[in-house]
Amino acid sequence: MKKFYFILLALSFYSLANAQIFFSEFKDKTFNWGGKLGVNALFPIVESLTINDVEMEDVRMQYKVGYQAALFARINLKRFYLQPSVAWQYTKGDIRFNIPQSSFENNIANENLYQNLVSKNQIAYKAATLELPIMVGYYIIKEGPFALSVMLGPNLKYNYKTHYSTNLTDQARKFEDDNTPFGIGIATGVGVSIWRLFLDFNYEFGLNEVVSDFHEIGNSQNVTQGVLRIDKRTNIMSFSLGFLF
């Protein structure tokens, strides 16, 4: 029995020594690069939604889970680091609203439109974005392979595909954004790492308020019924898991 305990103790010390050697091989470098994958949720602040020149009431957003991926470089300066990235995000959600019936009164065509809209007061939103976040981070805790950091920085965005779909009429209709695809936000976050694995939580505040007009996809005619105009800013929350090389 004593021999068994001695072997068990020896194996424990051997495993601990190997773990220390393993972690010591991955000391911080001046320059690192890495990648991460994650999920996001969209929290746009919709200031106004106009359909056919009628402003909707009680506009709110129902978020859905989207996806993201990023490649980044990290320049380490003791407890600080600079981390520029190239990222891709796919976001989606539903915009829900109430239709003011008073806006459709005294007009037969608008009254018919109201009857069509009243049970279909939802717009599905999907967007794909290329982004260039530049984060400055600070390690609150940095002991051996374990680290806890906070980060802050600007995020430049290019929305290369934005679609809104509705069932506001008898047939489903899709719209795409006519306005500028560029945007900017301020991102803040917390990162936890063990060895080269890390988990990031980020929240981005959209800075620019965008007034977007949309045209119907696949319809070259001037269609006034169901034309969309949205005034909004976009906030995004995200979680990501990555690896640092």
Protein backbone atom coordinates (compact mmCIF):
# COMPACT_ATOMS: atom_id res chain seq x y z
CA MET A 1 0.00 0.00 0.00
CA LYS A 2 2.87 2.38 0.84
CA LYS A 3 4.40 1.59 -2.53
CA PHE A 4 1.10 2.46 -4.25
CA TYR A 5 0.92 5.86 -2.49
CA PHE A 6 4.55 6.55 -3.37
CA ILE A 7 3.89 5.83 -7.07
CA LEU A 8 0.74 8.00 -7.01
CA LEU A 9 2.67 10.88 -5.39
CA ALA A 10 5.49 10.55 -7.91
CA LEU A 11 3.03 10.63 -10.81
CA SER A 12 1.38 13.75 -9.37
CA PHE A 13 4.70 15.60 -9.14
CA TYR A 14 5.62 14.42 -12.65
CA SER A 15 2.28 15.69 -14.08
CA LEU A 16 2.65 19.04 -12.29
CA ALA A 17 6.20 19.47 -13.59
CA ASN A 18 5.12 18.65 -17.15
CA ALA A 19 2.23 21.11 -16.92
CA GLN A 20 4.58 23.88 -15.78
CA ILE A 21 6.99 23.11 -18.61
CA PHE A 22 4.09 23.01 -21.09
CA PHE A 23 2.73 26.41 -20.04
CA SER A 24 6.20 27.96 -19.85
CA GLU A 25 6.70 27.16 -23.54
CA PHE A 26 3.94 29.62 -24.40
CA LYS A 27 5.15 32.82 -22.84
CA ASP A 28 3.77 36.07 -24.18
CA LYS A 29 5.38 37.34 -27.33
CA THR A 30 5.58 40.91 -28.51
CA PHE A 31 3.36 39.94 -31.43
CA ASN A 32 0.60 37.32 -31.59
CA TRP A 33 -2.18 36.53 -34.00
CA GLY A 34 -5.34 34.51 -33.59
CA GLY A 35 -8.90 33.80 -34.61
CA LYS A 36 -12.29 33.51 -32.97
CA LEU A 37 -15.85 32.38 -33.65
CA GLY A 38 -18.95 33.48 -31.82
CA VAL A 39 -22.60 34.43 -31.64
CA ASN A 40 -24.26 37.83 -31.43
CA ALA A 41 -27.57 39.51 -30.70
CA LEU A 42 -28.75 42.74 -32.31
CA PHE A 43 -30.19 45.58 -30.19
CA PRO A 44 -31.03 48.41 -32.59
CA ILE A 45 -32.56 51.61 -31.29
CA VAL A 46 -35.27 52.32 -33.87
CA GLU A 47 -36.19 56.00 -33.67
CA SER A 48 -38.92 55.77 -36.31
CA LEU A 49 -40.41 53.41 -38.90
CA THR A 50 -42.42 54.77 -41.81
CA ILE A 51 -44.47 52.66 -44.23
CA ASN A 52 -46.14 54.38 -47.17
CA ASP A 53 -45.45 57.78 -45.52
CA VAL A 54 -47.26 56.65 -42.35
CA GLU A 55 -45.21 56.56 -39.15
CA MET A 56 -45.73 53.39 -37.12
CA GLU A 57 -46.22 53.34 -33.34
CA ASP A 58 -44.60 51.35 -30.50
CA VAL A 59 -41.68 50.18 -32.66
CA ARG A 60 -39.58 47.52 -30.92
CA MET A 61 -36.99 44.89 -31.86
CA GLN A 62 -37.12 41.16 -31.22
CA TYR A 63 -33.55 39.92 -31.53
CA LYS A 64 -32.38 36.58 -32.90
CA VAL A 65 -29.02 34.85 -32.59
CA GLY A 66 -26.51 35.70 -35.33
CA TYR A 67 -22.94 34.63 -36.05
CA GLN A 68 -19.49 36.15 -36.28
CA ALA A 69 -15.89 35.27 -37.13
CA ALA A 70 -12.66 37.25 -36.89
CA LEU A 71 -8.90 37.16 -37.47
CA PHE A 72 -6.74 39.51 -35.43
CA ALA A 73 -3.20 40.55 -34.54
CA ARG A 74 -2.14 41.46 -31.00
CA ILE A 75 0.78 43.70 -30.05
CA ASN A 76 1.69 43.19 -26.37
CA LEU A 77 3.09 46.06 -24.30
CA LYS A 78 3.43 44.63 -20.77
CA ARG A 79 -0.11 44.84 -19.34
CA PHE A 80 -1.50 46.68 -22.36
CA TYR A 81 -2.15 45.33 -25.84
CA LEU A 82 -3.30 46.70 -29.19
CA GLN A 83 -5.55 44.38 -31.21
CA PRO A 84 -6.65 45.29 -34.77
CA SER A 85 -9.03 42.76 -36.37
CA VAL A 86 -10.83 41.91 -39.57
CA ALA A 87 -14.28 40.54 -38.73
CA TRP A 88 -17.46 39.28 -40.37
CA GLN A 89 -20.87 39.45 -38.73
CA TYR A 90 -24.27 38.09 -39.70
CA THR A 91 -27.13 39.59 -37.70
CA LYS A 92 -30.88 39.14 -37.80
CA GLY A 93 -34.05 40.04 -35.94
CA ASP A 94 -37.67 41.12 -36.25
CA ILE A 95 -38.98 44.67 -36.06
CA ARG A 96 -42.47 44.75 -34.55
CA PHE A 97 -44.80 47.73 -34.49
CA ASN A 98 -48.38 48.96 -34.12
CA ILE A 99 -50.22 50.63 -36.98
CA PRO A 100 -52.13 53.86 -36.22
CA GLN A 101 -55.59 53.28 -37.67
CA SER A 102 -56.32 57.02 -37.67
CA SER A 103 -53.70 57.47 -40.38
CA PHE A 104 -55.74 55.31 -42.77
CA GLU A 105 -59.17 56.82 -42.24
CA ASN A 106 -61.16 58.68 -44.92
CA ASN A 107 -59.34 56.89 -47.73
CA ILE A 108 -60.70 53.64 -49.21
CA ALA A 109 -57.33 52.52 -50.61
CA ASN A 110 -55.57 53.22 -47.31
CA GLU A 111 -58.37 51.51 -45.37
CA ASN A 112 -57.85 48.38 -47.45
CA LEU A 113 -54.11 48.65 -46.83
CA TYR A 114 -54.73 48.92 -43.07
CA GLN A 115 -56.80 45.73 -43.09
CA ASN A 116 -53.91 43.94 -44.84
CA LEU A 117 -51.30 45.31 -42.46
CA VAL A 118 -53.04 45.01 -39.11
CA SER A 119 -52.30 41.29 -38.70
CA LYS A 120 -48.86 41.45 -40.33
CA ASN A 121 -47.08 44.10 -38.29
CA GLN A 122 -43.63 42.54 -38.48
CA ILE A 123 -40.52 43.13 -40.58
CA ALA A 124 -37.72 40.53 -40.67
CA TYR A 125 -34.21 41.99 -40.72
CA LYS A 126 -31.00 40.32 -41.97
CA ALA A 127 -27.59 41.90 -42.51
CA ALA A 128 -24.04 40.81 -43.35
CA THR A 129 -21.20 43.13 -42.32
CA LEU A 130 -17.44 43.41 -42.73
CA GLU A 131 -15.80 45.16 -39.80
CA LEU A 132 -12.47 46.61 -38.69
CA PRO A 133 -12.36 46.85 -34.88
CA ILE A 134 -9.22 48.29 -33.26
CA MET A 135 -9.20 47.44 -29.58
CA VAL A 136 -6.92 48.61 -26.77
CA GLY A 137 -6.82 46.12 -23.91
CA TYR A 138 -5.51 46.08 -20.35
CA TYR A 139 -4.80 42.95 -18.25
CA ILE A 140 -6.40 43.29 -14.81
CA ILE A 141 -5.07 39.84 -13.88
CA LYS A 142 -2.13 38.14 -15.56
CA GLU A 143 -0.75 35.21 -13.60
CA GLY A 144 0.88 32.34 -15.45
CA PRO A 145 -1.50 30.91 -18.06
CA PHE A 146 -4.51 32.78 -16.60
CA ALA A 147 -5.56 36.31 -17.55
CA LEU A 148 -8.50 38.69 -17.23
CA SER A 149 -8.59 41.79 -19.41
CA VAL A 150 -10.84 44.70 -20.35
CA MET A 151 -10.86 46.35 -23.78
CA LEU A 152 -12.20 49.39 -25.58
CA GLY A 153 -11.96 50.73 -29.11
CA PRO A 154 -13.65 51.91 -32.32
CA ASN A 155 -15.27 49.59 -34.85
CA LEU A 156 -15.54 50.61 -38.52
CA LYS A 157 -18.30 48.78 -40.40
CA TYR A 158 -19.33 48.10 -43.97
CA ASN A 159 -22.82 46.61 -44.41
CA TYR A 160 -22.48 44.87 -47.75
CA LYS A 161 -25.87 43.15 -47.60
CA THR A 162 -28.98 44.37 -45.78
CA HIS A 163 -32.40 42.86 -46.45
CA TYR A 164 -35.80 43.52 -44.92
CA SER A 165 -38.69 41.21 -45.75
CA THR A 166 -42.38 41.73 -45.01
CA ASN A 167 -45.77 40.15 -45.53
CA LEU A 168 -47.46 43.53 -45.63
CA THR A 169 -49.35 42.56 -48.78
CA ASP A 170 -50.77 39.32 -50.15
CA GLN A 171 -47.32 38.30 -51.39
CA ALA A 172 -44.08 38.34 -49.41
CA ARG A 173 -41.86 41.25 -50.42
CA LYS A 174 -38.15 41.91 -49.89
CA PHE A 175 -36.41 45.27 -49.67
CA GLU A 176 -32.76 46.32 -49.65
CA ASP A 177 -31.11 49.43 -48.28
CA ASP A 178 -30.49 52.36 -50.64
CA ASN A 179 -28.38 54.42 -48.25
CA THR A 180 -24.76 54.48 -47.14
CA PRO A 181 -23.43 51.07 -46.06
CA PHE A 182 -20.79 52.54 -43.74
CA GLY A 183 -21.04 52.89 -39.99
CA ILE A 184 -18.99 53.33 -36.83
CA GLY A 185 -19.37 52.14 -33.25
CA ILE A 186 -17.54 52.01 -29.94
CA ALA A 187 -16.96 48.49 -28.61
CA THR A 188 -16.13 47.53 -25.04
CA GLY A 189 -15.55 44.10 -23.61
CA VAL A 190 -14.09 41.64 -21.11
CA GLY A 191 -11.78 38.77 -21.99
CA VAL A 192 -10.89 35.66 -19.97
CA SER A 193 -8.03 33.43 -21.12
CA ILE A 194 -6.48 30.15 -20.02
CA TRP A 195 -3.25 29.37 -21.85
CA ARG A 196 -4.00 30.30 -25.48
CA LEU A 197 -7.77 29.76 -25.26
CA PHE A 198 -9.92 32.79 -24.53
CA LEU A 199 -13.55 33.81 -24.16
CA ASP A 200 -14.59 37.37 -25.04
CA PHE A 201 -17.77 39.23 -24.15
CA ASN A 202 -18.31 42.46 -26.12
CA TYR A 203 -20.96 45.13 -26.34
CA GLU A 204 -20.90 47.66 -29.16
CA PHE A 205 -22.65 51.03 -29.11
CA GLY A 206 -23.63 52.34 -32.54
CA LEU A 207 -22.61 55.98 -32.89
CA ASN A 208 -24.06 57.04 -36.22
CA GLU A 209 -27.81 57.36 -36.63
CA VAL A 210 -28.79 56.05 -40.05
CA VAL A 211 -31.93 57.02 -41.94
CA SER A 212 -32.49 54.20 -44.44
CA ASP A 213 -34.77 54.16 -47.45
CA PHE A 214 -35.44 50.85 -49.17
CA HIS A 215 -36.44 49.74 -52.63
CA GLU A 216 -38.18 46.50 -53.42
CA ILE A 217 -35.97 43.71 -54.78
CA GLY A 218 -37.05 42.51 -58.22
CA ASN A 219 -39.43 45.39 -58.84
CA SER A 220 -38.23 48.16 -61.17
CA GLN A 221 -41.51 50.06 -61.05
CA ASN A 222 -42.33 52.88 -58.67
CA VAL A 223 -44.17 51.09 -55.91
CA THR A 224 -45.57 53.30 -53.15
CA GLN A 225 -47.50 50.69 -51.21
CA GLY A 226 -45.30 49.30 -48.44
CA VAL A 227 -42.25 51.52 -49.09
CA LEU A 228 -40.02 51.44 -45.99
CA ARG A 229 -38.05 54.17 -44.22
CA ILE A 230 -36.20 53.39 -40.98
CA ASP A 231 -34.34 55.76 -38.65
CA LYS A 232 -32.11 53.78 -36.27
CA ARG A 233 -28.84 53.21 -34.41
CA THR A 234 -27.54 49.70 -33.83
CA ASN A 235 -26.08 48.14 -30.67
CA ILE A 236 -24.70 44.58 -30.69
CA MET A 237 -23.84 42.12 -27.90
CA SER A 238 -21.54 39.20 -28.71
CA PHE A 239 -19.79 36.19 -27.17
CA SER A 240 -16.81 34.56 -28.89
CA LEU A 241 -14.35 31.72 -28.29
CA GLY A 242 -10.89 31.92 -29.81
CA PHE A 243 -7.30 30.75 -29.91
CA LEU A 244 -4.15 32.87 -29.72
CA PHE A 245 -1.05 31.68 -31.60
